[in-house]
Protein backbone atom coordinates (compact mmCIF):
# COMPACT_ATOMS: atom_id res chain seq x y z
CA MET A 1 28.37 -105.72 -23.85
CA LEU A 2 31.30 -103.85 -21.73
CA TYR A 3 33.45 -106.00 -19.61
CA PRO A 4 35.91 -105.22 -17.35
CA VAL A 5 39.44 -107.46 -18.04
CA TYR A 6 42.18 -106.67 -15.65
CA VAL A 7 45.67 -106.43 -17.86
CA HIS A 8 49.00 -107.38 -16.37
CA ILE A 9 51.74 -104.78 -18.12
CA GLY A 10 54.07 -106.14 -20.12
CA ASP A 11 57.78 -105.04 -21.58
CA ALA A 12 59.70 -105.07 -24.07
CA GLU A 13 60.05 -108.24 -23.73
CA HIS A 14 56.68 -109.70 -22.84
CA ALA A 15 52.82 -109.13 -24.07
CA HIS A 16 50.25 -107.68 -21.83
CA GLY A 17 48.03 -110.22 -20.60
CA VAL A 18 44.82 -109.92 -19.87
CA THR A 19 42.61 -111.78 -17.34
CA CYS A 20 38.97 -112.14 -17.93
CA PRO A 21 37.19 -112.03 -14.37
CA ASP A 22 33.83 -112.40 -15.07
CA PHE A 23 34.71 -115.60 -17.39
CA PRO A 24 37.76 -118.11 -14.75
CA GLY A 25 40.10 -119.76 -17.45
CA CYS A 26 39.62 -117.01 -20.44
CA PHE A 27 43.33 -114.76 -21.04
CA ALA A 28 44.34 -112.87 -23.95
CA ALA A 29 47.43 -111.38 -24.71
CA ALA A 30 48.76 -108.92 -27.35
CA ASP A 31 52.10 -106.89 -27.28
CA GLU A 32 50.07 -103.36 -28.04
CA TRP A 33 47.48 -102.04 -26.11
CA ASP A 34 45.94 -101.44 -29.09
CA GLY A 35 45.47 -104.61 -29.49
CA LEU A 36 43.84 -105.72 -26.30
CA PRO A 37 40.53 -105.65 -27.46
CA ALA A 38 40.67 -107.78 -30.27
CA ALA A 39 42.51 -110.30 -28.84
CA VAL A 40 39.75 -110.46 -25.50
CA GLN A 41 36.97 -111.00 -28.34
CA GLU A 42 39.20 -114.00 -29.98
CA ALA A 43 39.79 -115.51 -26.73
CA VAL A 44 35.87 -115.05 -25.68
CA GLN A 45 34.75 -116.75 -28.65
CA ALA A 46 36.72 -119.79 -28.06
CA HIS A 47 35.89 -119.22 -24.55
CA PHE A 48 32.25 -119.56 -24.78
CA TYR A 49 32.33 -121.69 -28.31
CA GLY A 50 28.89 -123.23 -28.70
CA GLU A 51 27.79 -122.21 -24.97
CA LEU A 52 26.36 -118.53 -25.95
CA ASP A 53 23.96 -119.27 -22.51
CA ALA A 54 27.12 -119.45 -20.59
CA VAL A 55 27.93 -115.90 -20.90
CA PRO A 56 27.82 -114.18 -17.54
CA ALA A 57 26.98 -110.80 -17.26
CA PRO A 58 29.60 -107.93 -16.09
CA THR A 59 30.72 -107.40 -12.76
CA PRO A 60 30.71 -104.07 -11.97
CA MET A 61 34.08 -102.48 -12.04
CA THR A 62 33.43 -101.27 -8.28
CA LEU A 63 33.47 -104.77 -6.49
CA LEU A 64 36.36 -106.12 -8.90
CA ALA A 65 38.85 -103.33 -8.05
CA GLN A 66 38.71 -104.25 -4.46
CA ASP A 67 39.69 -107.46 -5.06
CA PRO A 68 43.49 -107.62 -3.99
CA GLN A 69 44.75 -110.48 -6.10
CA TYR A 70 44.54 -107.41 -8.53
CA GLN A 71 47.25 -105.04 -7.83
CA GLY A 72 50.21 -103.46 -10.07
CA GLY A 73 48.04 -104.26 -13.61
CA ALA A 74 45.55 -101.42 -15.14
CA TRP A 75 41.76 -101.98 -16.02
CA LEU A 76 40.47 -101.99 -19.23
CA LEU A 77 36.46 -102.24 -20.59
CA VAL A 78 36.40 -104.58 -23.69
CA ASP A 79 33.15 -104.05 -25.93
CA ILE A 80 32.36 -107.92 -26.52
CA ASP A 81 30.39 -108.70 -28.90
CA LEU A 82 28.32 -111.62 -27.55
CA SER A 83 26.62 -111.77 -31.11
CA ARG A 84 30.13 -112.78 -33.10
CA ILE A 85 29.86 -116.64 -30.41
CA GLU A 86 29.10 -119.53 -32.34
CA GLY A 87 25.92 -120.84 -30.61
CA ARG A 88 26.56 -124.54 -31.68
CA ALA A 89 29.39 -126.69 -31.21
């Protein structure tokens, strides 16, 4: 399922940080852009470990893009494989 994530763009000394608006408290980071989807998948799996039923539906990007807390970065749609989330704690 495609989820919008907000990327805090890094530089030569800092990784790209990711905030997952639909998953409060779930963050990820990667040095390269192509590593972001795997980092987000891993973070989501850890965040929802044992709580598969707690995964919300994605928020429409049009709503999130209007939020003033998301300025100066970039949006990325990440295909989260919900079947990889462990259902038991």
